[in-house]
């Protein structure tokens, strides 16, 4: 067998495996996005409740509870500190969603 043919076959196999892995990641990304949007809808409900009762958006104790839950339930291979950083970013974005929704409901009509 020609050595180049073996390398070529290995390369073709690697390309196919990469394609399959990337397809799987694309599927997971779509599922993650669906879950993030579901989480956002719940956060919007929480924002409505907080606004109606004049509660603050930022609740450090609750965020600590979320992080503890994430670390406690993380089975890897994503390290705990990496999982926490991901959720820090998610929470930050959710806080922004709450703030923007609350602001949009308190503006007088006709103000953008």
PDB file of N, CA and C in Angstrom:
ATOM      1  N   UNK A   1       0.854  -1.184   0.000  1.00  0.00           N
ATOM      2  CA  UNK A   1       0.000   0.000   0.000  1.00  0.00           C
ATOM      3  C   UNK A   1       0.889   1.233   0.000  1.00  0.00           C
ATOM      4  N   UNK A   2       0.515   2.196  -0.744  1.00  0.00           N
ATOM      5  CA  UNK A   2       1.236   3.463  -0.836  1.00  0.00           C
ATOM      6  C   UNK A   2       1.095   4.203   0.497  1.00  0.00           C
ATOM      7  N   UNK A   3       2.238   4.638   1.120  1.00  0.00           N
ATOM      8  CA  UNK A   3       2.151   5.348   2.404  1.00  0.00           C
ATOM      9  C   UNK A   3       1.299   6.607   2.322  1.00  0.00           C
ATOM     10  N   UNK A   4       1.348   7.289   1.188  1.00  0.00           N
ATOM     11  CA  UNK A   4       0.532   8.497   1.035  1.00  0.00           C
ATOM     12  C   UNK A   4      -0.953   8.163   1.048  1.00  0.00           C
ATOM     13  N   UNK A   5      -1.308   7.005   0.506  1.00  0.00           N
ATOM     14  CA  UNK A   5      -2.711   6.584   0.489  1.00  0.00           C
ATOM     15  C   UNK A   5      -3.210   6.370   1.909  1.00  0.00           C
ATOM     16  N   UNK A   6      -2.368   5.798   2.769  1.00  0.00           N
ATOM     17  CA  UNK A   6      -2.740   5.596   4.172  1.00  0.00           C
ATOM     18  C   UNK A   6      -2.946   6.917   4.889  1.00  0.00           C
ATOM     19  N   UNK A   7      -2.042   7.867   4.640  1.00  0.00           N
ATOM     20  CA  UNK A   7      -2.187   9.199   5.239  1.00  0.00           C
ATOM     21  C   UNK A   7      -3.447   9.884   4.739  1.00  0.00           C
ATOM     22  N   UNK A   8      -3.713   9.699   3.452  1.00  0.00           N
ATOM     23  CA  UNK A   8      -4.897  10.308   2.852  1.00  0.00           C
ATOM     24  C   UNK A   8      -6.173   9.729   3.470  1.00  0.00           C
ATOM     25  N   UNK A   9      -6.193   8.418   3.691  1.00  0.00           N
ATOM     26  CA  UNK A   9      -7.355   7.768   4.302  1.00  0.00           C
ATOM     27  C   UNK A   9      -7.533   8.245   5.740  1.00  0.00           C
ATOM     28  N   UNK A  10      -6.406   8.364   6.477  1.00  0.00           N
ATOM     29  CA  UNK A  10      -6.477   8.861   7.861  1.00  0.00           C
ATOM     30  C   UNK A  10      -7.024  10.287   7.879  1.00  0.00           C
ATOM     31  N   UNK A  11      -6.554  11.094   6.937  1.00  0.00           N
ATOM     32  CA  UNK A  11      -7.009  12.476   6.866  1.00  0.00           C
ATOM     33  C   UNK A  11      -8.509  12.533   6.564  1.00  0.00           C
ATOM     34  N   UNK A  12      -8.950  11.728   5.602  1.00  0.00           N
ATOM     35  CA  UNK A  12     -10.373  11.709   5.235  1.00  0.00           C
ATOM     36  C   UNK A  12     -11.219  11.256   6.422  1.00  0.00           C
ATOM     37  N   UNK A  13     -10.723  10.245   7.163  1.00  0.00           N
ATOM     38  CA  UNK A  13     -11.434   9.768   8.351  1.00  0.00           C
ATOM     39  C   UNK A  13     -11.496  10.868   9.416  1.00  0.00           C
ATOM     40  N   UNK A  14     -10.383  11.567   9.607  1.00  0.00           N
ATOM     41  CA  UNK A  14     -10.343  12.655  10.593  1.00  0.00           C
ATOM     42  C   UNK A  14     -11.319  13.762  10.219  1.00  0.00           C
ATOM     43  N   UNK A  15     -11.364  14.101   8.944  1.00  0.00           N
ATOM     44  CA  UNK A  15     -12.279  15.146   8.471  1.00  0.00           C
ATOM     45  C   UNK A  15     -13.722  14.732   8.730  1.00  0.00           C
ATOM     46  N   UNK A  16     -14.044  13.472   8.465  1.00  0.00           N
ATOM     47  CA  UNK A  16     -15.402  12.972   8.704  1.00  0.00           C
ATOM     48  C   UNK A  16     -15.740  13.000  10.199  1.00  0.00           C
ATOM     49  N   UNK A  17     -14.798  12.575  11.038  1.00  0.00           N
ATOM     50  CA  UNK A  17     -15.030  12.595  12.483  1.00  0.00           C
ATOM     51  C   UNK A  17     -15.241  14.023  12.987  1.00  0.00           C
ATOM     52  N   UNK A  18     -14.413  14.945  12.480  1.00  0.00           N
ATOM     53  CA  UNK A  18     -14.582  16.352  12.863  1.00  0.00           C
ATOM     54  C   UNK A  18     -15.947  16.873  12.450  1.00  0.00           C
ATOM     55  N   UNK A  19     -16.391  16.519  11.271  1.00  0.00           N
ATOM     56  CA  UNK A  19     -17.697  16.944  10.784  1.00  0.00           C
ATOM     57  C   UNK A  19     -18.812  16.426  11.694  1.00  0.00           C
ATOM     58  N   UNK A  20     -18.709  15.163  12.090  1.00  0.00           N
ATOM     59  CA  UNK A  20     -19.713  14.587  12.993  1.00  0.00           C
ATOM     60  C   UNK A  20     -19.698  15.285  14.351  1.00  0.00           C
ATOM     61  N   UNK A  21     -18.512  15.554  14.872  1.00  0.00           N
ATOM     62  CA  UNK A  21     -18.403  16.261  16.157  1.00  0.00           C
ATOM     63  C   UNK A  21     -18.993  17.662  16.055  1.00  0.00           C
ATOM     64  N   UNK A  22     -18.707  18.344  14.965  1.00  0.00           N
ATOM     65  CA  UNK A  22     -19.226  19.703  14.786  1.00  0.00           C
ATOM     66  C   UNK A  22     -20.745  19.707  14.637  1.00  0.00           C
ATOM     67  N   UNK A  23     -21.281  18.709  13.951  1.00  0.00           N
ATOM     68  CA  UNK A  23     -22.739  18.586  13.841  1.00  0.00           C
ATOM     69  C   UNK A  23     -23.356  18.383  15.229  1.00  0.00           C
ATOM     70  N   UNK A  24     -22.718  17.542  16.046  1.00  0.00           N
ATOM     71  CA  UNK A  24     -23.206  17.303  17.410  1.00  0.00           C
ATOM     72  C   UNK A  24     -23.150  18.581  18.233  1.00  0.00           C
ATOM     73  N   UNK A  25     -22.074  19.351  18.087  1.00  0.00           N
ATOM     74  CA  UNK A  25     -21.959  20.625  18.810  1.00  0.00           C
ATOM     75  C   UNK A  25     -23.031  21.602  18.344  1.00  0.00           C
ATOM     76  N   UNK A  26     -23.279  21.654  17.038  1.00  0.00           N
ATOM     77  CA  UNK A  26     -24.336  22.534  16.525  1.00  0.00           C
ATOM     78  C   UNK A  26     -25.689  22.161  17.132  1.00  0.00           C
ATOM     79  N   UNK A  27     -25.975  20.871  17.229  1.00  0.00           N
ATOM     80  CA  UNK A  27     -27.223  20.419  17.852  1.00  0.00           C
ATOM     81  C   UNK A  27     -27.277  20.834  19.323  1.00  0.00           C
ATOM     82  N   UNK A  28     -26.180  20.622  20.036  1.00  0.00           N
ATOM     83  CA  UNK A  28     -26.134  21.017  21.450  1.00  0.00           C
ATOM     84  C   UNK A  28     -26.299  22.517  21.616  1.00  0.00           C
ATOM     85  N   UNK A  29     -25.677  23.294  20.742  1.00  0.00           N
ATOM     86  CA  UNK A  29     -25.811  24.751  20.811  1.00  0.00           C
ATOM     87  C   UNK A  29     -27.264  25.175  20.639  1.00  0.00           C
ATOM     88  N   UNK A  30     -27.978  24.532  19.727  1.00  0.00           N
ATOM     89  CA  UNK A  30     -29.393  24.856  19.542  1.00  0.00           C
ATOM     90  C   UNK A  30     -30.195  24.492  20.789  1.00  0.00           C
ATOM     91  N   UNK A  31     -29.879  23.359  21.401  1.00  0.00           N
ATOM     92  CA  UNK A  31     -30.572  22.964  22.634  1.00  0.00           C
ATOM     93  C   UNK A  31     -30.243  23.914  23.772  1.00  0.00           C
ATOM     94  N   UNK A  32     -28.968  24.314  23.870  1.00  0.00           N
ATOM     95  CA  UNK A  32     -28.582  25.293  24.898  1.00  0.00           C
ATOM     96  C   UNK A  32     -29.325  26.606  24.705  1.00  0.00           C
ATOM     97  N   UNK A  33     -29.424  27.049  23.472  1.00  0.00           N
ATOM     98  CA  UNK A  33     -30.132  28.289  23.181  1.00  0.00           C
ATOM     99  C   UNK A  33     -31.603  28.178  23.581  1.00  0.00           C
ATOM    100  N   UNK A  34     -32.202  27.047  23.286  1.00  0.00           N
ATOM    101  CA  UNK A  34     -33.593  26.821  23.682  1.00  0.00           C
ATOM    102  C   UNK A  34     -33.738  26.901  25.201  1.00  0.00           C
ATOM    103  N   UNK A  35     -32.818  26.283  25.928  1.00  0.00           N
ATOM    104  CA  UNK A  35     -32.851  26.323  27.391  1.00  0.00           C
ATOM    105  C   UNK A  35     -32.596  27.729  27.923  1.00  0.00           C
ATOM    106  N   UNK A  36     -31.681  28.446  27.298  1.00  0.00           N
ATOM    107  CA  UNK A  36     -31.408  29.827  27.728  1.00  0.00           C
ATOM    108  C   UNK A  36     -32.633  30.710  27.509  1.00  0.00           C
ATOM    109  N   UNK A  37     -33.330  30.509  26.413  1.00  0.00           N
ATOM    110  CA  UNK A  37     -34.551  31.281  26.179  1.00  0.00           C
ATOM    111  C   UNK A  37     -35.647  30.902  27.161  1.00  0.00           C
ATOM    112  N   UNK A  38     -35.728  29.638  27.525  1.00  0.00           N
ATOM    113  CA  UNK A  38     -36.690  29.211  28.548  1.00  0.00           C
ATOM    114  C   UNK A  38     -36.339  29.866  29.882  1.00  0.00           C
ATOM    115  N   UNK A  39     -35.051  29.896  30.218  1.00  0.00           N
ATOM    116  CA  UNK A  39     -34.591  30.543  31.447  1.00  0.00           C
ATOM    117  C   UNK A  39     -34.918  32.039  31.410  1.00  0.00           C
ATOM    118  N   UNK A  40     -34.750  32.652  30.251  1.00  0.00           N
ATOM    119  CA  UNK A  40     -35.034  34.076  30.099  1.00  0.00           C
ATOM    120  C   UNK A  40     -36.511  34.370  30.339  1.00  0.00           C
ATOM    121  N   UNK A  41     -37.393  33.516  29.843  1.00  0.00           N
ATOM    122  CA  UNK A  41     -38.826  33.721  30.073  1.00  0.00           C
ATOM    123  C   UNK A  41     -39.149  33.673  31.567  1.00  0.00           C
ATOM    124  N   UNK A  42     -38.507  32.775  32.285  1.00  0.00           N
ATOM    125  CA  UNK A  42     -38.724  32.695  33.740  1.00  0.00           C
ATOM    126  C   UNK A  42     -38.155  33.935  34.417  1.00  0.00           C
ATOM    127  N   UNK A  43     -36.994  34.379  33.980  1.00  0.00           N
ATOM    128  CA  UNK A  43     -36.379  35.587  34.530  1.00  0.00           C
ATOM    129  C   UNK A  43     -37.294  36.796  34.299  1.00  0.00           C
ATOM    130  N   UNK A  44     -37.944  36.847  33.150  1.00  0.00           N
ATOM    131  CA  UNK A  44     -38.886  37.940  32.889  1.00  0.00           C
ATOM    132  C   UNK A  44     -40.042  37.906  33.885  1.00  0.00           C
ATOM    133  N   UNK A  45     -40.540  36.716  34.192  1.00  0.00           N
ATOM    134  CA  UNK A  45     -41.604  36.593  35.207  1.00  0.00           C
ATOM    135  C   UNK A  45     -41.101  37.065  36.559  1.00  0.00           C
ATOM    136  N   UNK A  46     -39.872  36.670  36.897  1.00  0.00           N
ATOM    137  CA  UNK A  46     -39.280  37.102  38.165  1.00  0.00           C
ATOM    138  C   UNK A  46     -39.176  38.624  38.191  1.00  0.00           C
ATOM    139  N   UNK A  47     -38.766  39.216  37.069  1.00  0.00           N
ATOM    140  CA  UNK A  47     -38.670  40.672  36.982  1.00  0.00           C
ATOM    141  C   UNK A  47     -40.017  41.334  37.208  1.00  0.00           C
ATOM    142  N   UNK A  48     -41.079  40.752  36.661  1.00  0.00           N
ATOM    143  CA  UNK A  48     -42.426  41.292  36.881  1.00  0.00           C
ATOM    144  C   UNK A  48     -42.787  41.264  38.363  1.00  0.00           C
ATOM    145  N   UNK A  49     -42.484  40.151  39.005  1.00  0.00           N
ATOM    146  CA  UNK A  49     -42.784  40.020  40.433  1.00  0.00           C
ATOM    147  C   UNK A  49     -41.979  41.037  41.235  1.00  0.00           C
ATOM    148  N   UNK A  50     -40.681  41.133  40.926  1.00  0.00           N
ATOM    149  CA  UNK A  50     -39.833  42.076  41.644  1.00  0.00           C
ATOM    150  C   UNK A  50     -40.305  43.511  41.443  1.00  0.00           C
ATOM    151  N   UNK A  51     -40.679  43.841  40.222  1.00  0.00           N
ATOM    152  CA  UNK A  51     -41.120  45.203  39.947  1.00  0.00           C
ATOM    153  C   UNK A  51     -42.417  45.518  40.686  1.00  0.00           C
ATOM    154  N   UNK A  52     -43.333  44.562  40.712  1.00  0.00           N
ATOM    155  CA  UNK A  52     -44.618  44.812  41.364  1.00  0.00           C
ATOM    156  C   UNK A  52     -44.485  44.936  42.880  1.00  0.00           C
ATOM    157  N   UNK A  53     -43.399  44.429  43.423  1.00  0.00           N
ATOM    158  CA  UNK A  53     -43.183  44.501  44.874  1.00  0.00           C
ATOM    159  C   UNK A  53     -41.995  45.386  45.238  1.00  0.00           C
ATOM    160  N   UNK A  54     -41.468  46.116  44.247  1.00  0.00           N
ATOM    161  CA  UNK A  54     -40.322  47.028  44.438  1.00  0.00           C
ATOM    162  C   UNK A  54     -39.098  46.320  45.013  1.00  0.00           C
ATOM    163  N   UNK A  55     -38.881  45.094  44.606  1.00  0.00           N
ATOM    164  CA  UNK A  55     -37.704  44.343  45.047  1.00  0.00           C
ATOM    165  C   UNK A  55     -36.534  44.663  44.118  1.00  0.00           C
ATOM    166  N   UNK A  56     -35.307  44.577  44.633  1.00  0.00           N
ATOM    167  CA  UNK A  56     -34.150  44.866  43.781  1.00  0.00           C
ATOM    168  C   UNK A  56     -33.895  43.751  42.773  1.00  0.00           C
ATOM    169  N   UNK A  57     -33.295  44.124  41.649  1.00  0.00           N
ATOM    170  CA  UNK A  57     -32.933  43.136  40.638  1.00  0.00           C
ATOM    171  C   UNK A  57     -31.791  42.269  41.149  1.00  0.00           C
ATOM    172  N   UNK A  58     -30.797  42.903  41.728  1.00  0.00           N
ATOM    173  CA  UNK A  58     -29.587  42.197  42.164  1.00  0.00           C
ATOM    174  C   UNK A  58     -29.791  41.611  43.546  1.00  0.00           C
ATOM    175  N   UNK A  59     -29.642  40.299  43.646  1.00  0.00           N
ATOM    176  CA  UNK A  59     -29.757  39.592  44.923  1.00  0.00           C
ATOM    177  C   UNK A  59     -28.538  38.683  45.081  1.00  0.00           C
ATOM    178  N   UNK A  60     -27.474  39.202  45.708  1.00  0.00           N
ATOM    179  CA  UNK A  60     -26.232  38.422  45.807  1.00  0.00           C
ATOM    180  C   UNK A  60     -26.413  37.070  46.490  1.00  0.00           C
ATOM    181  N   UNK A  61     -27.277  36.992  47.484  1.00  0.00           N
ATOM    182  CA  UNK A  61     -27.488  35.707  48.169  1.00  0.00           C
ATOM    183  C   UNK A  61     -28.044  34.669  47.206  1.00  0.00           C
ATOM    184  N   UNK A  62     -28.993  35.073  46.369  1.00  0.00           N
ATOM    185  CA  UNK A  62     -29.572  34.139  45.401  1.00  0.00           C
ATOM    186  C   UNK A  62     -28.530  33.691  44.391  1.00  0.00           C
ATOM    187  N   UNK A  63     -27.695  34.626  43.951  1.00  0.00           N
ATOM    188  CA  UNK A  63     -26.644  34.257  42.998  1.00  0.00           C
ATOM    189  C   UNK A  63     -25.675  33.260  43.626  1.00  0.00           C
ATOM    190  N   UNK A  64     -25.348  33.459  44.893  1.00  0.00           N
ATOM    191  CA  UNK A  64     -24.485  32.495  45.586  1.00  0.00           C
ATOM    192  C   UNK A  64     -25.137  31.110  45.622  1.00  0.00           C
ATOM    193  N   UNK A  65     -26.456  31.083  45.813  1.00  0.00           N
ATOM    194  CA  UNK A  65     -27.176  29.810  45.815  1.00  0.00           C
ATOM    195  C   UNK A  65     -27.099  29.132  44.439  1.00  0.00           C
ATOM    196  N   UNK A  66     -27.227  29.926  43.388  1.00  0.00           N
ATOM    197  CA  UNK A  66     -27.135  29.381  42.028  1.00  0.00           C
ATOM    198  C   UNK A  66     -25.750  28.782  41.796  1.00  0.00           C
ATOM    199  N   UNK A  67     -24.708  29.522  42.176  1.00  0.00           N
ATOM    200  CA  UNK A  67     -23.340  29.031  41.984  1.00  0.00           C
ATOM    201  C   UNK A  67     -23.092  27.760  42.791  1.00  0.00           C
ATOM    202  N   UNK A  68     -23.580  27.729  44.020  1.00  0.00           N
ATOM    203  CA  UNK A  68     -23.413  26.528  44.848  1.00  0.00           C
ATOM    204  C   UNK A  68     -24.121  25.339  44.202  1.00  0.00           C
ATOM    205  N   UNK A  69     -25.305  25.558  43.659  1.00  0.00           N
ATOM    206  CA  UNK A  69     -26.053  24.504  42.976  1.00  0.00           C
ATOM    207  C   UNK A  69     -25.283  23.992  41.762  1.00  0.00           C
ATOM    208  N   UNK A  70     -24.689  24.907  41.010  1.00  0.00           N
ATOM    209  CA  UNK A  70     -23.937  24.533  39.811  1.00  0.00           C
ATOM    210  C   UNK A  70     -22.723  23.682  40.189  1.00  0.00           C
ATOM    211  N   UNK A  71     -21.973  24.149  41.151  1.00  0.00           N
ATOM    212  CA  UNK A  71     -20.762  23.420  41.561  1.00  0.00           C
ATOM    213  C   UNK A  71     -21.125  22.056  42.140  1.00  0.00           C
ATOM    214  N   UNK A  72     -22.179  22.029  42.952  1.00  0.00           N
ATOM    215  CA  UNK A  72     -22.606  20.775  43.592  1.00  0.00           C
ATOM    216  C   UNK A  72     -23.044  19.739  42.548  1.00  0.00           C
ATOM    217  N   UNK A  73     -23.644  20.201  41.458  1.00  0.00           N
ATOM    218  CA  UNK A  73     -24.187  19.280  40.462  1.00  0.00           C
ATOM    219  C   UNK A  73     -23.293  19.077  39.249  1.00  0.00           C
ATOM    220  N   UNK A  74     -22.174  19.770  39.202  1.00  0.00           N
ATOM    221  CA  UNK A  74     -21.252  19.618  38.076  1.00  0.00           C
ATOM    222  C   UNK A  74     -20.499  18.296  38.191  1.00  0.00           C
ATOM    223  N   UNK A  75     -20.667  17.448  37.193  1.00  0.00           N
ATOM    224  CA  UNK A  75     -19.985  16.156  37.186  1.00  0.00           C
ATOM    225  C   UNK A  75     -18.841  16.122  36.178  1.00  0.00           C
ATOM    226  N   UNK A  76     -18.502  17.299  35.616  1.00  0.00           N
ATOM    227  CA  UNK A  76     -17.379  17.378  34.699  1.00  0.00           C
ATOM    228  C   UNK A  76     -17.684  16.776  33.340  1.00  0.00           C
ATOM    229  N   UNK A  77     -16.772  16.920  32.458  1.00  0.00           N
ATOM    230  CA  UNK A  77     -15.372  17.297  32.633  1.00  0.00           C
ATOM    231  C   UNK A  77     -15.131  18.808  32.740  1.00  0.00           C
ATOM    232  N   UNK A  78     -16.163  19.631  32.600  1.00  0.00           N
ATOM    233  CA  UNK A  78     -15.976  21.072  32.758  1.00  0.00           C
ATOM    234  C   UNK A  78     -15.600  21.361  34.205  1.00  0.00           C
ATOM    235  N   UNK A  79     -14.449  22.013  34.440  1.00  0.00           N
ATOM    236  CA  UNK A  79     -14.040  22.316  35.826  1.00  0.00           C
ATOM    237  C   UNK A  79     -15.060  23.235  36.512  1.00  0.00           C
ATOM    238  N   UNK A  80     -15.149  23.117  37.828  1.00  0.00           N
ATOM    239  CA  UNK A  80     -16.104  23.912  38.606  1.00  0.00           C
ATOM    240  C   UNK A  80     -15.938  25.404  38.361  1.00  0.00           C
ATOM    241  N   UNK A  81     -14.688  25.884  38.346  1.00  0.00           N
ATOM    242  CA  UNK A  81     -14.480  27.317  38.167  1.00  0.00           C
ATOM    243  C   UNK A  81     -14.936  27.772  36.782  1.00  0.00           C
ATOM    244  N   UNK A  82     -14.780  26.930  35.781  1.00  0.00           N
ATOM    245  CA  UNK A  82     -15.239  27.270  34.436  1.00  0.00           C
ATOM    246  C   UNK A  82     -16.773  27.293  34.392  1.00  0.00           C
ATOM    247  N   UNK A  83     -17.404  26.318  35.023  1.00  0.00           N
ATOM    248  CA  UNK A  83     -18.869  26.285  35.073  1.00  0.00           C
ATOM    249  C   UNK A  83     -19.393  27.526  35.781  1.00  0.00           C
ATOM    250  N   UNK A  84     -18.740  27.905  36.854  1.00  0.00           N
ATOM    251  CA  UNK A  84     -19.160  29.104  37.587  1.00  0.00           C
ATOM    252  C   UNK A  84     -19.027  30.345  36.711  1.00  0.00           C
ATOM    253  N   UNK A  85     -17.935  30.457  35.956  1.00  0.00           N
ATOM    254  CA  UNK A  85     -17.761  31.622  35.078  1.00  0.00           C
ATOM    255  C   UNK A  85     -18.841  31.674  33.994  1.00  0.00           C
ATOM    256  N   UNK A  86     -19.197  30.522  33.457  1.00  0.00           N
ATOM    257  CA  UNK A  86     -20.267  30.482  32.452  1.00  0.00           C
ATOM    258  C   UNK A  86     -21.562  31.006  33.067  1.00  0.00           C
ATOM    259  N   UNK A  87     -21.876  30.538  34.268  1.00  0.00           N
ATOM    260  CA  UNK A  87     -23.117  30.969  34.910  1.00  0.00           C
ATOM    261  C   UNK A  87     -23.050  32.412  35.391  1.00  0.00           C
ATOM    262  N   UNK A  88     -21.878  32.900  35.728  1.00  0.00           N
ATOM    263  CA  UNK A  88     -21.745  34.321  36.048  1.00  0.00           C
ATOM    264  C   UNK A  88     -22.172  35.154  34.846  1.00  0.00           C
ATOM    265  N   UNK A  89     -21.743  34.732  33.675  1.00  0.00           N
ATOM    266  CA  UNK A  89     -22.090  35.452  32.455  1.00  0.00           C
ATOM    267  C   UNK A  89     -23.586  35.345  32.152  1.00  0.00           C
ATOM    268  N   UNK A  90     -24.142  34.152  32.318  1.00  0.00           N
ATOM    269  CA  UNK A  90     -25.580  33.959  32.097  1.00  0.00           C
ATOM    270  C   UNK A  90     -26.380  34.848  33.051  1.00  0.00           C
ATOM    271  N   UNK A  91     -26.014  34.841  34.312  1.00  0.00           N
ATOM    272  CA  UNK A  91     -26.734  35.642  35.301  1.00  0.00           C
ATOM    273  C   UNK A  91     -26.612  37.126  34.978  1.00  0.00           C
ATOM    274  N   UNK A  92     -25.438  37.549  34.558  1.00  0.00           N
ATOM    275  CA  UNK A  92     -25.244  38.948  34.195  1.00  0.00           C
ATOM    276  C   UNK A  92     -26.191  39.335  33.059  1.00  0.00           C
ATOM    277  N   UNK A  93     -26.298  38.489  32.057  1.00  0.00           N
ATOM    278  CA  UNK A  93     -27.197  38.767  30.934  1.00  0.00           C
ATOM    279  C   UNK A  93     -28.657  38.742  31.374  1.00  0.00           C
ATOM    280  N   UNK A  94     -29.009  37.835  32.266  1.00  0.00           N
ATOM    281  CA  UNK A  94     -30.387  37.767  32.762  1.00  0.00           C
ATOM    282  C   UNK A  94     -30.734  39.018  33.566  1.00  0.00           C
ATOM    283  N   UNK A  95     -29.788  39.507  34.339  1.00  0.00           N
ATOM    284  CA  UNK A  95     -29.990  40.741  35.102  1.00  0.00           C
ATOM    285  C   UNK A  95     -30.250  41.904  34.137  1.00  0.00           C
ATOM    286  N   UNK A  96     -29.504  41.935  33.036  1.00  0.00           N
ATOM    287  CA  UNK A  96     -29.701  42.973  32.019  1.00  0.00           C
ATOM    288  C   UNK A  96     -31.097  42.864  31.414  1.00  0.00           C
ATOM    289  N   UNK A  97     -31.540  41.647  31.121  1.00  0.00           N
ATOM    290  CA  UNK A  97     -32.890  41.444  30.589  1.00  0.00           C
ATOM    291  C   UNK A  97     -33.921  41.987  31.568  1.00  0.00           C
ATOM    292  N   UNK A  98     -33.784  41.653  32.845  1.00  0.00           N
ATOM    293  CA  UNK A  98     -34.729  42.141  33.859  1.00  0.00           C
ATOM    294  C   UNK A  98     -34.742  43.670  33.886  1.00  0.00           C
ATOM    295  N   UNK A  99     -33.565  44.246  33.915  1.00  0.00           N
ATOM    296  CA  UNK A  99     -33.451  45.701  34.004  1.00  0.00           C
ATOM    297  C   UNK A  99     -34.114  46.370  32.789  1.00  0.00           C
ATOM    298  N   UNK A 100     -33.817  45.875  31.595  1.00  0.00           N
ATOM    299  CA  UNK A 100     -34.398  46.460  30.382  1.00  0.00           C
ATOM    300  C   UNK A 100     -35.919  46.299  30.345  1.00  0.00           C
ATOM    301  N   UNK A 101     -36.422  45.139  30.748  1.00  0.00           N
ATOM    302  CA  UNK A 101     -37.871  44.917  30.759  1.00  0.00           C
ATOM    303  C   UNK A 101     -38.542  45.842  31.769  1.00  0.00           C
ATOM    304  N   UNK A 102     -37.917  45.992  32.926  1.00  0.00           N
ATOM    305  CA  UNK A 102     -38.495  46.856  33.949  1.00  0.00           C
ATOM    306  C   UNK A 102     -38.502  48.306  33.479  1.00  0.00           C
ATOM    307  N   UNK A 103     -37.422  48.724  32.829  1.00  0.00           N
ATOM    308  CA  UNK A 103     -37.360  50.095  32.310  1.00  0.00           C
ATOM    309  C   UNK A 103     -38.400  50.319  31.228  1.00  0.00           C
ATOM    310  N   UNK A 104     -38.568  49.339  30.358  1.00  0.00           N
ATOM    311  CA  UNK A 104     -39.531  49.512  29.256  1.00  0.00           C
ATOM    312  C   UNK A 104     -40.958  49.613  29.774  1.00  0.00           C
ATOM    313  N   UNK A 105     -41.238  49.029  30.908  1.00  0.00           N
ATOM    314  CA  UNK A 105     -42.603  49.095  31.484  1.00  0.00           C
ATOM    315  C   UNK A 105     -42.821  50.372  32.279  1.00  0.00           C
ATOM    316  N   UNK A 106     -41.754  51.070  32.658  1.00  0.00           N
ATOM    317  CA  UNK A 106     -41.930  52.266  33.483  1.00  0.00           C
ATOM    318  C   UNK A 106     -41.847  53.563  32.672  1.00  0.00           C
ATOM    319  N   UNK A 107     -41.496  53.464  31.392  1.00  0.00           N
ATOM    320  CA  UNK A 107     -41.412  54.661  30.548  1.00  0.00           C
ATOM    321  C   UNK A 107     -42.805  55.170  30.215  1.00  0.00           C
ATOM    322  N   UNK A 108     -42.958  56.479  30.189  1.00  0.00           N
ATOM    323  CA  UNK A 108     -44.256  57.019  29.740  1.00  0.00           C
ATOM    324  C   UNK A 108     -44.484  56.630  28.281  1.00  0.00           C
ATOM    325  N   UNK A 109     -45.729  56.521  27.883  1.00  0.00           N
ATOM    326  CA  UNK A 109     -46.016  56.136  26.498  1.00  0.00           C
ATOM    327  C   UNK A 109     -45.444  57.176  25.546  1.00  0.00           C
ATOM    328  N   UNK A 110     -44.952  56.687  24.425  1.00  0.00           N
ATOM    329  CA  UNK A 110     -44.363  57.557  23.413  1.00  0.00           C
ATOM    330  C   UNK A 110     -42.881  57.791  23.600  1.00  0.00           C
ATOM    331  N   UNK A 111     -42.303  57.381  24.716  1.00  0.00           N
ATOM    332  CA  UNK A 111     -40.871  57.541  24.968  1.00  0.00           C
ATOM    333  C   UNK A 111     -40.159  56.259  24.580  1.00  0.00           C
ATOM    334  N   UNK A 112     -39.087  56.401  23.816  1.00  0.00           N
ATOM    335  CA  UNK A 112     -38.333  55.212  23.406  1.00  0.00           C
ATOM    336  C   UNK A 112     -37.001  55.177  24.063  1.00  0.00           C
TER     337      UNK A 112
END
